[in-house]
Amino acid sequence: MILPAPKPYGPEAIIEEVHKHCTDDTVVATDVGQHQMWTMQFYPFEKPHTLLTSGGLGTMGYGLPGAIGAQIGNPGVPVISISGDGGMQMNIQELATAVLEELPIINCIFNNTYLGMVRQWQKLFYGKRYSMTNLRSGALSRRTNGEEYPKYTPDFIKLAESYGARGIRVTKREEIAAAFEEARKSTKVPTVIEFIIDPEEMVYPMVKPGGTLADLIMDC
């Protein structure tokens, strides 16, 4: 089984760098979507009870609240959440709880401006008939026939800061180490680290609906 080669800056590289800045005791809480699959594939968990995920239940929004519970239950243990830009917006108001309780959670957001897993299905199985997955789509994009979109919807950095949390945007691999160094300085304040990624990033391998392991999709 041969998967596509990892990119210098992409989901695999990001998670590899994230792991470098974690300890074996770090608790990781994932949301639901492509980032959840990438975490399972590329984050080398060393100890039991250090992964919180809802598995296949599809509970978008689980990541941040799960991380809050983990941090309250394990004071002094590093806790990070890994979410997509869609899932994070399901319960982002809980940043207020994390700020008020002085929880130094590091919240990693993989921002591809789409509901990535749904978009991937639409691309692979529905002839690229994309519907209701572009999180920046609205009046501006309709008026310009898809030529113009807001730059950020929302601006997670400003949103984090509005709650009293820290916000850091990362656009290349070389910025990840500095982002985590800054986040670790905040011992009583949560940090949001937003990773801007390509909407065309896919989760592989994948099995089509009704298929078997003999029908693995390795690339497209």
N, C-alpha and C. Protein backbone atom coordinates (compact mmCIF):
# COMPACT_ATOMS: atom_id res chain seq x y z
N MET A 1 0.85 -1.19 0.00
CA MET A 1 0.00 0.00 0.00
C MET A 1 0.88 1.24 0.00
N ILE A 2 0.76 2.06 -1.02
CA ILE A 2 1.58 3.25 -1.14
C ILE A 2 0.68 4.48 -1.10
N LEU A 3 0.89 5.31 -0.08
CA LEU A 3 0.13 6.54 0.06
C LEU A 3 0.87 7.68 -0.64
N PRO A 4 0.15 8.75 -0.98
CA PRO A 4 0.84 9.92 -1.57
C PRO A 4 1.94 10.43 -0.64
N ALA A 5 3.03 10.89 -1.20
CA ALA A 5 4.14 11.41 -0.40
C ALA A 5 3.70 12.64 0.39
N PRO A 6 4.11 12.74 1.66
CA PRO A 6 3.72 13.91 2.46
C PRO A 6 4.33 15.19 1.92
N LYS A 7 3.59 16.28 2.07
CA LYS A 7 4.07 17.58 1.62
C LYS A 7 4.92 18.23 2.72
N PRO A 8 5.79 19.16 2.35
CA PRO A 8 6.59 19.85 3.38
C PRO A 8 5.73 20.53 4.43
N TYR A 9 4.58 21.07 3.99
CA TYR A 9 3.63 21.66 4.94
C TYR A 9 2.24 21.15 4.58
N GLY A 10 1.76 20.23 5.36
CA GLY A 10 0.45 19.63 5.17
C GLY A 10 0.06 18.93 6.46
N PRO A 11 -1.07 18.25 6.48
CA PRO A 11 -1.55 17.63 7.72
C PRO A 11 -0.53 16.71 8.40
N GLU A 12 0.12 15.84 7.62
CA GLU A 12 1.10 14.92 8.23
C GLU A 12 2.26 15.69 8.84
N ALA A 13 2.79 16.66 8.11
CA ALA A 13 3.91 17.45 8.62
C ALA A 13 3.50 18.25 9.85
N ILE A 14 2.30 18.80 9.84
CA ILE A 14 1.83 19.59 10.99
C ILE A 14 1.72 18.72 12.23
N ILE A 15 1.09 17.56 12.09
CA ILE A 15 0.92 16.68 13.26
C ILE A 15 2.27 16.15 13.74
N GLU A 16 3.17 15.90 12.83
CA GLU A 16 4.52 15.48 13.21
C GLU A 16 5.19 16.56 14.05
N GLU A 17 5.04 17.82 13.64
CA GLU A 17 5.64 18.93 14.39
C GLU A 17 4.92 19.13 15.72
N VAL A 18 3.60 19.00 15.72
CA VAL A 18 2.84 19.12 16.97
C VAL A 18 3.34 18.10 17.99
N HIS A 19 3.53 16.87 17.54
CA HIS A 19 3.99 15.81 18.45
C HIS A 19 5.35 16.13 19.05
N LYS A 20 6.21 16.78 18.29
CA LYS A 20 7.54 17.13 18.80
C LYS A 20 7.45 18.05 20.02
N HIS A 21 6.35 18.78 20.12
CA HIS A 21 6.21 19.74 21.22
C HIS A 21 5.27 19.22 22.31
N CYS A 22 5.02 17.92 22.29
CA CYS A 22 4.19 17.28 23.31
C CYS A 22 5.03 16.27 24.09
N THR A 23 4.57 15.90 25.26
CA THR A 23 5.20 14.84 26.04
C THR A 23 4.39 13.56 25.89
N ASP A 24 4.93 12.46 26.40
CA ASP A 24 4.19 11.20 26.35
C ASP A 24 2.89 11.28 27.14
N ASP A 25 2.82 12.19 28.12
CA ASP A 25 1.63 12.33 28.96
C ASP A 25 0.60 13.30 28.38
N THR A 26 0.95 14.00 27.33
CA THR A 26 0.02 14.97 26.75
C THR A 26 -1.29 14.29 26.35
N VAL A 27 -2.39 14.90 26.76
CA VAL A 27 -3.71 14.39 26.37
C VAL A 27 -4.16 15.14 25.12
N VAL A 28 -4.58 14.38 24.13
CA VAL A 28 -5.03 14.94 22.86
C VAL A 28 -6.52 14.67 22.70
N ALA A 29 -7.31 15.71 22.51
CA ALA A 29 -8.74 15.56 22.25
C ALA A 29 -9.01 16.00 20.81
N THR A 30 -9.63 15.14 20.04
CA THR A 30 -9.93 15.51 18.66
C THR A 30 -11.40 15.84 18.48
N ASP A 31 -11.65 16.64 17.48
CA ASP A 31 -13.00 16.92 17.03
C ASP A 31 -13.37 15.82 16.02
N VAL A 32 -14.22 16.15 15.07
CA VAL A 32 -14.67 15.18 14.07
C VAL A 32 -14.42 15.74 12.67
N GLY A 33 -13.82 14.94 11.83
CA GLY A 33 -13.56 15.35 10.46
C GLY A 33 -12.22 14.82 9.97
N GLN A 34 -11.69 15.43 8.93
CA GLN A 34 -10.43 14.97 8.36
C GLN A 34 -9.30 15.00 9.38
N HIS A 35 -9.24 16.07 10.17
CA HIS A 35 -8.16 16.20 11.17
C HIS A 35 -8.17 15.04 12.15
N GLN A 36 -9.37 14.51 12.46
CA GLN A 36 -9.49 13.36 13.36
C GLN A 36 -8.79 12.15 12.75
N MET A 37 -9.00 11.92 11.47
CA MET A 37 -8.36 10.79 10.78
C MET A 37 -6.85 10.99 10.71
N TRP A 38 -6.44 12.22 10.39
CA TRP A 38 -5.00 12.49 10.30
C TRP A 38 -4.32 12.29 11.66
N THR A 39 -5.01 12.68 12.74
CA THR A 39 -4.43 12.48 14.07
C THR A 39 -4.24 11.00 14.35
N MET A 40 -5.24 10.19 14.00
CA MET A 40 -5.12 8.75 14.22
C MET A 40 -3.97 8.16 13.40
N GLN A 41 -3.77 8.69 12.20
CA GLN A 41 -2.74 8.15 11.32
C GLN A 41 -1.33 8.58 11.71
N PHE A 42 -1.17 9.82 12.12
CA PHE A 42 0.17 10.39 12.18
C PHE A 42 0.66 10.77 13.58
N TYR A 43 -0.21 10.80 14.58
CA TYR A 43 0.25 11.13 15.93
C TYR A 43 0.61 9.84 16.66
N PRO A 44 1.87 9.66 17.04
CA PRO A 44 2.30 8.40 17.67
C PRO A 44 2.03 8.39 19.18
N PHE A 45 0.84 8.01 19.56
CA PHE A 45 0.50 7.96 20.98
C PHE A 45 1.36 6.91 21.69
N GLU A 46 1.89 7.30 22.85
CA GLU A 46 2.80 6.43 23.58
C GLU A 46 2.17 5.76 24.80
N LYS A 47 1.12 6.38 25.34
CA LYS A 47 0.52 5.86 26.57
C LYS A 47 -0.99 5.73 26.41
N PRO A 48 -1.60 4.79 27.16
CA PRO A 48 -3.06 4.71 27.15
C PRO A 48 -3.68 5.92 27.84
N HIS A 49 -4.95 6.16 27.55
CA HIS A 49 -5.72 7.22 28.19
C HIS A 49 -5.20 8.62 27.85
N THR A 50 -4.52 8.75 26.71
CA THR A 50 -4.06 10.08 26.29
C THR A 50 -4.76 10.55 25.02
N LEU A 51 -5.73 9.79 24.55
CA LEU A 51 -6.52 10.18 23.38
C LEU A 51 -7.99 10.25 23.76
N LEU A 52 -8.60 11.39 23.51
CA LEU A 52 -10.04 11.55 23.68
C LEU A 52 -10.64 11.83 22.31
N THR A 53 -11.51 10.95 21.85
CA THR A 53 -12.15 11.14 20.55
C THR A 53 -13.49 10.43 20.57
N SER A 54 -14.42 10.90 19.79
CA SER A 54 -15.74 10.28 19.77
C SER A 54 -15.84 9.17 18.73
N GLY A 55 -14.70 8.79 18.15
CA GLY A 55 -14.70 7.69 17.20
C GLY A 55 -15.57 7.99 15.99
N GLY A 56 -16.44 7.06 15.65
CA GLY A 56 -17.28 7.22 14.48
C GLY A 56 -18.64 7.82 14.76
N LEU A 57 -18.84 8.40 15.93
CA LEU A 57 -20.16 8.94 16.29
C LEU A 57 -20.47 10.25 15.58
N GLY A 58 -19.45 10.91 15.03
CA GLY A 58 -19.69 12.13 14.26
C GLY A 58 -20.09 13.33 15.08
N THR A 59 -19.59 13.42 16.31
CA THR A 59 -20.00 14.51 17.20
C THR A 59 -19.14 15.75 16.97
N MET A 60 -19.42 16.49 15.91
CA MET A 60 -18.68 17.73 15.66
C MET A 60 -18.83 18.68 16.84
N GLY A 61 -17.71 19.26 17.24
CA GLY A 61 -17.72 20.15 18.39
C GLY A 61 -17.18 19.52 19.65
N TYR A 62 -16.81 18.25 19.60
CA TYR A 62 -16.36 17.52 20.80
C TYR A 62 -14.99 17.95 21.28
N GLY A 63 -14.12 18.38 20.38
CA GLY A 63 -12.71 18.58 20.71
C GLY A 63 -12.44 19.54 21.86
N LEU A 64 -12.94 20.77 21.76
CA LEU A 64 -12.67 21.77 22.79
C LEU A 64 -13.28 21.38 24.14
N PRO A 65 -14.56 21.02 24.22
CA PRO A 65 -15.11 20.61 25.52
C PRO A 65 -14.40 19.38 26.09
N GLY A 66 -14.01 18.44 25.21
CA GLY A 66 -13.27 17.27 25.69
C GLY A 66 -11.95 17.67 26.30
N ALA A 67 -11.27 18.63 25.67
CA ALA A 67 -9.99 19.11 26.20
C ALA A 67 -10.18 19.84 27.53
N ILE A 68 -11.27 20.59 27.65
CA ILE A 68 -11.55 21.29 28.90
C ILE A 68 -11.73 20.28 30.04
N GLY A 69 -12.51 19.24 29.78
CA GLY A 69 -12.70 18.21 30.81
C GLY A 69 -11.41 17.52 31.18
N ALA A 70 -10.58 17.24 30.15
CA ALA A 70 -9.29 16.58 30.41
C ALA A 70 -8.38 17.46 31.26
N GLN A 71 -8.37 18.77 30.98
CA GLN A 71 -7.49 19.67 31.73
C GLN A 71 -7.96 19.85 33.17
N ILE A 72 -9.27 19.96 33.37
CA ILE A 72 -9.79 20.09 34.74
C ILE A 72 -9.52 18.82 35.53
N GLY A 73 -9.66 17.67 34.87
CA GLY A 73 -9.43 16.39 35.54
C GLY A 73 -7.98 16.04 35.71
N ASN A 74 -7.10 16.73 34.96
CA ASN A 74 -5.67 16.43 35.02
C ASN A 74 -4.86 17.72 35.10
N PRO A 75 -5.00 18.46 36.17
CA PRO A 75 -4.24 19.72 36.27
C PRO A 75 -2.74 19.43 36.24
N GLY A 76 -2.04 20.25 35.48
CA GLY A 76 -0.60 20.05 35.38
C GLY A 76 -0.17 19.18 34.22
N VAL A 77 -1.13 18.49 33.58
CA VAL A 77 -0.83 17.66 32.43
C VAL A 77 -1.09 18.47 31.16
N PRO A 78 -0.17 18.46 30.19
CA PRO A 78 -0.43 19.19 28.95
C PRO A 78 -1.63 18.62 28.21
N VAL A 79 -2.50 19.50 27.71
CA VAL A 79 -3.68 19.08 26.97
C VAL A 79 -3.78 19.92 25.70
N ILE A 80 -4.01 19.24 24.57
CA ILE A 80 -4.26 19.96 23.33
C ILE A 80 -5.54 19.43 22.70
N SER A 81 -6.21 20.29 21.97
CA SER A 81 -7.34 19.82 21.16
C SER A 81 -6.97 20.03 19.70
N ILE A 82 -7.46 19.14 18.84
CA ILE A 82 -7.25 19.25 17.40
C ILE A 82 -8.61 19.28 16.75
N SER A 83 -8.91 20.38 16.06
CA SER A 83 -10.23 20.58 15.46
C SER A 83 -10.08 21.09 14.03
N GLY A 84 -11.18 21.03 13.30
CA GLY A 84 -11.27 21.72 12.02
C GLY A 84 -11.98 23.04 12.22
N ASP A 85 -11.98 23.87 11.19
CA ASP A 85 -12.64 25.17 11.32
C ASP A 85 -14.15 25.01 11.42
N GLY A 86 -14.70 23.91 10.88
CA GLY A 86 -16.13 23.67 11.02
C GLY A 86 -16.49 23.19 12.40
N GLY A 87 -15.81 22.14 12.87
CA GLY A 87 -16.10 21.58 14.19
C GLY A 87 -15.85 22.56 15.31
N MET A 88 -14.80 23.36 15.18
CA MET A 88 -14.48 24.33 16.24
C MET A 88 -15.62 25.31 16.45
N GLN A 89 -16.31 25.65 15.37
CA GLN A 89 -17.39 26.63 15.50
C GLN A 89 -18.66 26.05 16.11
N MET A 90 -18.70 24.75 16.29
CA MET A 90 -19.87 24.15 16.94
C MET A 90 -19.93 24.51 18.43
N ASN A 91 -18.76 24.61 19.07
CA ASN A 91 -18.73 24.88 20.52
C ASN A 91 -17.65 25.88 20.89
N ILE A 92 -17.31 26.79 19.99
CA ILE A 92 -16.22 27.71 20.27
C ILE A 92 -16.51 28.62 21.45
N GLN A 93 -17.80 28.76 21.80
CA GLN A 93 -18.13 29.60 22.96
C GLN A 93 -17.52 29.05 24.25
N GLU A 94 -17.14 27.77 24.23
CA GLU A 94 -16.53 27.19 25.43
C GLU A 94 -15.12 27.72 25.68
N LEU A 95 -14.58 28.50 24.73
CA LEU A 95 -13.35 29.21 25.03
C LEU A 95 -13.53 30.11 26.25
N ALA A 96 -14.74 30.62 26.40
CA ALA A 96 -15.02 31.45 27.58
C ALA A 96 -14.80 30.65 28.86
N THR A 97 -15.27 29.41 28.87
CA THR A 97 -15.06 28.55 30.04
C THR A 97 -13.57 28.32 30.28
N ALA A 98 -12.83 28.02 29.21
CA ALA A 98 -11.40 27.77 29.35
C ALA A 98 -10.67 29.01 29.87
N VAL A 99 -11.09 30.19 29.42
CA VAL A 99 -10.46 31.43 29.89
C VAL A 99 -10.81 31.68 31.36
N LEU A 100 -12.07 31.54 31.70
CA LEU A 100 -12.50 31.82 33.07
C LEU A 100 -11.88 30.85 34.08
N GLU A 101 -11.67 29.60 33.63
CA GLU A 101 -11.07 28.60 34.52
C GLU A 101 -9.55 28.56 34.44
N GLU A 102 -8.97 29.46 33.65
CA GLU A 102 -7.52 29.59 33.52
C GLU A 102 -6.87 28.27 33.09
N LEU A 103 -7.41 27.70 32.03
CA LEU A 103 -6.93 26.41 31.54
C LEU A 103 -5.99 26.64 30.36
N PRO A 104 -4.74 26.21 30.46
CA PRO A 104 -3.75 26.49 29.41
C PRO A 104 -3.80 25.48 28.25
N ILE A 105 -5.00 25.19 27.78
CA ILE A 105 -5.17 24.26 26.67
C ILE A 105 -4.63 24.89 25.39
N ILE A 106 -3.99 24.08 24.57
CA ILE A 106 -3.57 24.54 23.24
C ILE A 106 -4.55 23.96 22.23
N ASN A 107 -5.29 24.83 21.57
CA ASN A 107 -6.33 24.43 20.63
C ASN A 107 -5.81 24.59 19.20
N CYS A 108 -5.59 23.47 18.53
CA CYS A 108 -5.09 23.49 17.15
C CYS A 108 -6.26 23.40 16.18
N ILE A 109 -6.35 24.35 15.28
CA ILE A 109 -7.43 24.37 14.30
C ILE A 109 -6.84 24.18 12.91
N PHE A 110 -7.27 23.12 12.23
CA PHE A 110 -6.88 22.91 10.83
C PHE A 110 -7.92 23.64 9.98
N ASN A 111 -7.53 24.78 9.42
CA ASN A 111 -8.47 25.62 8.70
C ASN A 111 -8.27 25.48 7.20
N ASN A 112 -9.21 24.77 6.56
CA ASN A 112 -9.19 24.66 5.09
C ASN A 112 -10.37 25.39 4.46
N THR A 113 -11.11 26.14 5.28
CA THR A 113 -12.27 26.95 4.89
C THR A 113 -13.44 26.11 4.40
N TYR A 114 -13.42 24.82 4.66
CA TYR A 114 -14.49 23.92 4.22
C TYR A 114 -14.86 22.95 5.34
N LEU A 115 -16.02 22.31 5.19
CA LEU A 115 -16.30 21.08 5.93
C LEU A 115 -15.57 19.98 5.16
N GLY A 116 -14.32 19.76 5.54
CA GLY A 116 -13.40 18.99 4.70
C GLY A 116 -13.82 17.57 4.40
N MET A 117 -14.32 16.85 5.40
CA MET A 117 -14.67 15.45 5.17
C MET A 117 -15.87 15.34 4.25
N VAL A 118 -16.84 16.23 4.43
CA VAL A 118 -18.02 16.23 3.55
C VAL A 118 -17.59 16.59 2.13
N ARG A 119 -16.73 17.60 2.02
CA ARG A 119 -16.23 18.00 0.70
C ARG A 119 -15.49 16.84 0.03
N GLN A 120 -14.71 16.09 0.81
CA GLN A 120 -13.97 14.97 0.23
C GLN A 120 -14.94 13.93 -0.35
N TRP A 121 -16.02 13.64 0.36
CA TRP A 121 -17.02 12.71 -0.17
C TRP A 121 -17.64 13.26 -1.44
N GLN A 122 -17.96 14.55 -1.43
CA GLN A 122 -18.58 15.15 -2.62
C GLN A 122 -17.62 15.11 -3.81
N LYS A 123 -16.34 15.25 -3.55
CA LYS A 123 -15.35 15.21 -4.63
C LYS A 123 -15.19 13.80 -5.18
N LEU A 124 -15.07 12.82 -4.30
CA LEU A 124 -14.75 11.46 -4.73
C LEU A 124 -15.96 10.67 -5.22
N PHE A 125 -17.13 10.93 -4.64
CA PHE A 125 -18.29 10.07 -4.92
C PHE A 125 -19.48 10.78 -5.56
N TYR A 126 -19.44 12.10 -5.64
CA TYR A 126 -20.58 12.84 -6.18
C TYR A 126 -20.19 13.82 -7.28
N GLY A 127 -19.16 13.46 -8.02
CA GLY A 127 -18.80 14.22 -9.21
C GLY A 127 -18.44 15.68 -8.96
N LYS A 128 -17.86 15.96 -7.79
CA LYS A 128 -17.46 17.33 -7.43
C LYS A 128 -18.64 18.30 -7.41
N ARG A 129 -19.82 17.77 -7.11
CA ARG A 129 -20.99 18.64 -6.97
C ARG A 129 -21.01 19.15 -5.52
N TYR A 130 -20.20 20.16 -5.28
CA TYR A 130 -20.03 20.67 -3.93
C TYR A 130 -21.27 21.45 -3.49
N SER A 131 -21.71 21.15 -2.28
CA SER A 131 -22.92 21.80 -1.77
C SER A 131 -22.78 22.02 -0.26
N MET A 132 -22.93 23.27 0.17
CA MET A 132 -23.00 23.64 1.58
C MET A 132 -21.77 23.21 2.38
N THR A 133 -20.60 23.21 1.73
CA THR A 133 -19.38 22.84 2.44
C THR A 133 -18.38 23.99 2.53
N ASN A 134 -18.52 25.00 1.69
CA ASN A 134 -17.61 26.15 1.72
C ASN A 134 -18.06 27.11 2.82
N LEU A 135 -17.27 27.22 3.86
CA LEU A 135 -17.67 28.01 5.02
C LEU A 135 -17.52 29.52 4.81
N ARG A 136 -17.02 29.93 3.64
CA ARG A 136 -16.95 31.37 3.32
C ARG A 136 -17.97 31.75 2.26
N SER A 137 -18.77 30.80 1.82
CA SER A 137 -19.73 31.06 0.75
C SER A 137 -20.92 31.87 1.27
N GLY A 138 -21.33 32.86 0.48
CA GLY A 138 -22.46 33.69 0.87
C GLY A 138 -22.79 34.70 -0.21
N ALA A 139 -23.33 35.83 0.19
CA ALA A 139 -23.77 36.83 -0.78
C ALA A 139 -22.63 37.31 -1.67
N LEU A 140 -21.45 37.54 -1.09
CA LEU A 140 -20.32 38.04 -1.88
C LEU A 140 -19.91 37.04 -2.95
N SER A 141 -19.81 35.77 -2.59
CA SER A 141 -19.39 34.77 -3.58
C SER A 141 -20.46 34.57 -4.65
N ARG A 142 -21.74 34.65 -4.25
CA ARG A 142 -22.79 34.52 -5.25
C ARG A 142 -22.80 35.71 -6.21
N ARG A 143 -22.60 36.90 -5.66
CA ARG A 143 -22.62 38.11 -6.47
C ARG A 143 -21.47 38.15 -7.46
N THR A 144 -20.36 37.50 -7.11
CA THR A 144 -19.16 37.53 -7.97
C THR A 144 -18.93 36.19 -8.67
N ASN A 145 -19.97 35.32 -8.67
CA ASN A 145 -19.85 34.01 -9.32
C ASN A 145 -18.65 33.21 -8.81
N GLY A 146 -18.45 33.27 -7.50
CA GLY A 146 -17.39 32.50 -6.89
C GLY A 146 -16.00 33.06 -7.03
N GLU A 147 -15.90 34.30 -7.49
CA GLU A 147 -14.58 34.91 -7.68
C GLU A 147 -14.05 35.57 -6.41
N GLU A 148 -14.95 35.96 -5.52
CA GLU A 148 -14.52 36.66 -4.31
C GLU A 148 -15.16 36.03 -3.07
N TYR A 149 -14.36 35.93 -2.01
CA TYR A 149 -14.82 35.42 -0.73
C TYR A 149 -14.21 36.27 0.38
N PRO A 150 -14.84 36.33 1.55
CA PRO A 150 -14.18 36.98 2.68
C PRO A 150 -12.86 36.27 2.96
N LYS A 151 -11.86 37.00 3.44
CA LYS A 151 -10.56 36.39 3.71
C LYS A 151 -10.65 35.36 4.82
N TYR A 152 -11.32 35.70 5.90
CA TYR A 152 -11.49 34.78 7.02
C TYR A 152 -12.94 34.82 7.48
N THR A 153 -13.53 33.67 7.69
CA THR A 153 -14.87 33.60 8.28
C THR A 153 -14.94 32.39 9.21
N PRO A 154 -14.73 32.58 10.53
CA PRO A 154 -14.36 33.85 11.15
C PRO A 154 -12.84 34.03 11.15
N ASP A 155 -12.40 35.14 11.68
CA ASP A 155 -10.98 35.34 11.95
C ASP A 155 -10.74 34.73 13.33
N PHE A 156 -10.21 33.50 13.36
CA PHE A 156 -10.07 32.78 14.63
C PHE A 156 -9.11 33.49 15.59
N ILE A 157 -8.16 34.23 15.06
CA ILE A 157 -7.21 34.92 15.94
C ILE A 157 -7.92 36.04 16.71
N LYS A 158 -8.67 36.85 15.98
CA LYS A 158 -9.42 37.92 16.64
C LYS A 158 -10.48 37.35 17.57
N LEU A 159 -11.10 36.24 17.16
CA LEU A 159 -12.13 35.63 17.99
C LEU A 159 -11.54 35.10 19.29
N ALA A 160 -10.39 34.44 19.19
CA ALA A 160 -9.73 33.95 20.40
C ALA A 160 -9.40 35.11 21.33
N GLU A 161 -8.85 36.16 20.77
CA GLU A 161 -8.48 37.32 21.58
C GLU A 161 -9.69 37.99 22.21
N SER A 162 -10.83 37.93 21.53
CA SER A 162 -12.04 38.55 22.09
C SER A 162 -12.51 37.82 23.34
N TYR A 163 -12.18 36.54 23.44
CA TYR A 163 -12.51 35.76 24.64
C TYR A 163 -11.49 35.96 25.76
N GLY A 164 -10.34 36.55 25.40
CA GLY A 164 -9.26 36.67 26.38
C GLY A 164 -8.23 35.58 26.23
N ALA A 165 -8.34 34.76 25.16
CA ALA A 165 -7.35 33.74 24.87
C ALA A 165 -6.28 34.30 23.95
N ARG A 166 -5.24 33.52 23.71
CA ARG A 166 -4.21 33.92 22.76
C ARG A 166 -4.53 33.31 21.40
N GLY A 167 -4.15 34.00 20.34
CA GLY A 167 -4.38 33.49 18.99
C GLY A 167 -3.13 33.61 18.14
N ILE A 168 -2.76 32.52 17.45
CA ILE A 168 -1.57 32.49 16.61
C ILE A 168 -1.94 31.82 15.29
N ARG A 169 -1.56 32.45 14.19
CA ARG A 169 -1.84 31.86 12.87
C ARG A 169 -0.55 31.31 12.27
N VAL A 170 -0.60 30.08 11.76
CA VAL A 170 0.55 29.42 11.16
C VAL A 170 0.24 29.12 9.69
N THR A 171 1.17 29.47 8.82
CA THR A 171 0.97 29.23 7.39
C THR A 171 2.09 28.40 6.77
N LYS A 172 3.15 28.10 7.55
CA LYS A 172 4.23 27.27 7.05
C LYS A 172 4.88 26.52 8.21
N ARG A 173 5.55 25.43 7.87
CA ARG A 173 6.09 24.53 8.89
C ARG A 173 7.07 25.23 9.83
N GLU A 174 7.85 26.14 9.29
CA GLU A 174 8.88 26.81 10.09
C GLU A 174 8.29 27.64 11.22
N GLU A 175 7.00 27.93 11.17
CA GLU A 175 6.37 28.77 12.19
C GLU A 175 5.80 27.96 13.36
N ILE A 176 5.76 26.63 13.22
CA ILE A 176 5.07 25.81 14.22
C ILE A 176 5.79 25.82 15.56
N ALA A 177 7.11 25.65 15.55
CA ALA A 177 7.86 25.61 16.80
C ALA A 177 7.68 26.90 17.60
N ALA A 178 7.79 28.03 16.93
CA ALA A 178 7.62 29.32 17.62
C ALA A 178 6.22 29.47 18.18
N ALA A 179 5.22 28.96 17.44
CA ALA A 179 3.84 29.05 17.92
C ALA A 179 3.66 28.27 19.22
N PHE A 180 4.24 27.07 19.28
CA PHE A 180 4.11 26.27 20.51
C PHE A 180 4.92 26.86 21.65
N GLU A 181 6.06 27.44 21.36
CA GLU A 181 6.84 28.10 22.40
C GLU A 181 6.04 29.24 23.02
N GLU A 182 5.36 30.01 22.18
CA GLU A 182 4.53 31.09 22.68
C GLU A 182 3.37 30.55 23.49
N ALA A 183 2.75 29.48 22.99
CA ALA A 183 1.59 28.90 23.68
C ALA A 183 1.99 28.39 25.07
N ARG A 184 3.15 27.79 25.19
CA ARG A 184 3.58 27.24 26.48
C ARG A 184 3.88 28.32 27.51
N LYS A 185 4.11 29.54 27.05
CA LYS A 185 4.33 30.65 27.99
C LYS A 185 3.04 31.01 28.73
N SER A 186 1.91 30.63 28.15
CA SER A 186 0.61 30.98 28.73
C SER A 186 0.17 29.87 29.67
N THR A 187 0.53 30.00 30.93
CA THR A 187 0.25 28.94 31.90
C THR A 187 -1.15 29.03 32.50
N LYS A 188 -1.84 30.14 32.25
CA LYS A 188 -3.20 30.29 32.79
C LYS A 188 -4.18 30.79 31.74
N VAL A 189 -3.77 30.72 30.47
CA VAL A 189 -4.61 31.22 29.38
C VAL A 189 -4.58 30.21 28.24
N PRO A 190 -5.75 29.85 27.69
CA PRO A 190 -5.75 28.96 26.52
C PRO A 190 -5.21 29.66 25.28
N THR A 191 -4.69 28.88 24.37
CA THR A 191 -4.15 29.41 23.12
C THR A 191 -4.82 28.71 21.94
N VAL A 192 -5.15 29.47 20.92
CA VAL A 192 -5.63 28.92 19.66
C VAL A 192 -4.51 29.05 18.64
N ILE A 193 -4.10 27.93 18.06
CA ILE A 193 -3.13 27.95 16.96
C ILE A 193 -3.87 27.51 15.71
N GLU A 194 -3.99 28.42 14.78
CA GLU A 194 -4.71 28.15 13.53
C GLU A 194 -3.71 27.77 12.44
N PHE A 195 -3.89 26.58 11.88
CA PHE A 195 -3.05 26.12 10.78
C PHE A 195 -3.83 26.27 9.47
N ILE A 196 -3.37 27.13 8.59
CA ILE A 196 -4.01 27.30 7.29
C ILE A 196 -3.55 26.16 6.38
N ILE A 197 -4.49 25.35 5.88
CA ILE A 197 -4.13 24.22 5.03
C ILE A 197 -4.92 24.27 3.73
N ASP A 198 -4.46 23.52 2.76
CA ASP A 198 -5.04 23.47 1.42
C ASP A 198 -6.37 22.70 1.45
N PRO A 199 -7.45 23.27 0.90
CA PRO A 199 -8.73 22.54 0.85
C PRO A 199 -8.64 21.22 0.09
N GLU A 200 -7.64 21.06 -0.76
CA GLU A 200 -7.51 19.82 -1.54
C GLU A 200 -6.83 18.70 -0.77
N GLU A 201 -6.40 18.94 0.46
CA GLU A 201 -5.82 17.86 1.25
C GLU A 201 -6.89 16.80 1.52
N MET A 202 -6.52 15.53 1.32
CA MET A 202 -7.46 14.43 1.46
C MET A 202 -6.96 13.41 2.49
N VAL A 203 -7.91 12.64 3.02
CA VAL A 203 -7.60 11.53 3.90
C VAL A 203 -7.51 10.27 3.06
N TYR A 204 -6.36 9.62 3.10
CA TYR A 204 -6.18 8.34 2.42
C TYR A 204 -5.51 7.36 3.38
N PRO A 205 -5.77 6.05 3.21
CA PRO A 205 -6.68 5.45 2.23
C PRO A 205 -8.14 5.64 2.64
N MET A 206 -9.04 5.40 1.70
CA MET A 206 -10.47 5.54 1.95
C MET A 206 -11.20 4.43 1.21
N VAL A 207 -12.27 3.95 1.81
CA VAL A 207 -13.10 2.92 1.18
C VAL A 207 -14.41 3.56 0.76
N LYS A 208 -14.81 3.36 -0.47
CA LYS A 208 -16.05 3.95 -0.95
C LYS A 208 -17.25 3.29 -0.27
N PRO A 209 -18.40 3.98 -0.21
CA PRO A 209 -19.59 3.41 0.43
C PRO A 209 -19.95 2.06 -0.20
N GLY A 210 -20.15 1.08 0.66
CA GLY A 210 -20.50 -0.25 0.19
C GLY A 210 -19.32 -1.05 -0.34
N GLY A 211 -18.12 -0.48 -0.27
CA GLY A 211 -16.94 -1.15 -0.80
C GLY A 211 -16.28 -2.04 0.25
N THR A 212 -15.21 -2.68 -0.16
CA THR A 212 -14.42 -3.53 0.72
C THR A 212 -12.98 -3.03 0.73
N LEU A 213 -12.14 -3.68 1.53
CA LEU A 213 -10.74 -3.28 1.58
C LEU A 213 -10.04 -3.50 0.24
N ALA A 214 -10.64 -4.30 -0.61
CA ALA A 214 -10.08 -4.49 -1.95
C ALA A 214 -10.32 -3.27 -2.83
N ASP A 215 -11.20 -2.36 -2.35
CA ASP A 215 -11.54 -1.17 -3.14
C ASP A 215 -10.92 0.10 -2.57
N LEU A 216 -9.79 -0.05 -1.86
CA LEU A 216 -9.17 1.12 -1.24
C LEU A 216 -8.85 2.21 -2.27
N ILE A 217 -9.19 3.44 -1.90
CA ILE A 217 -8.83 4.60 -2.72
C ILE A 217 -7.56 5.19 -2.12
N MET A 218 -6.51 5.25 -2.92
CA MET A 218 -5.22 5.70 -2.44
C MET A 218 -4.89 7.12 -2.86
N ASP A 219 -5.55 7.61 -3.89
CA ASP A 219 -5.28 8.94 -4.42
C ASP A 219 -6.35 9.25 -5.44
N CYS A 220 -6.43 10.50 -5.88
CA CYS A 220 -7.38 10.84 -6.92
C CYS A 220 -6.81 11.94 -7.80
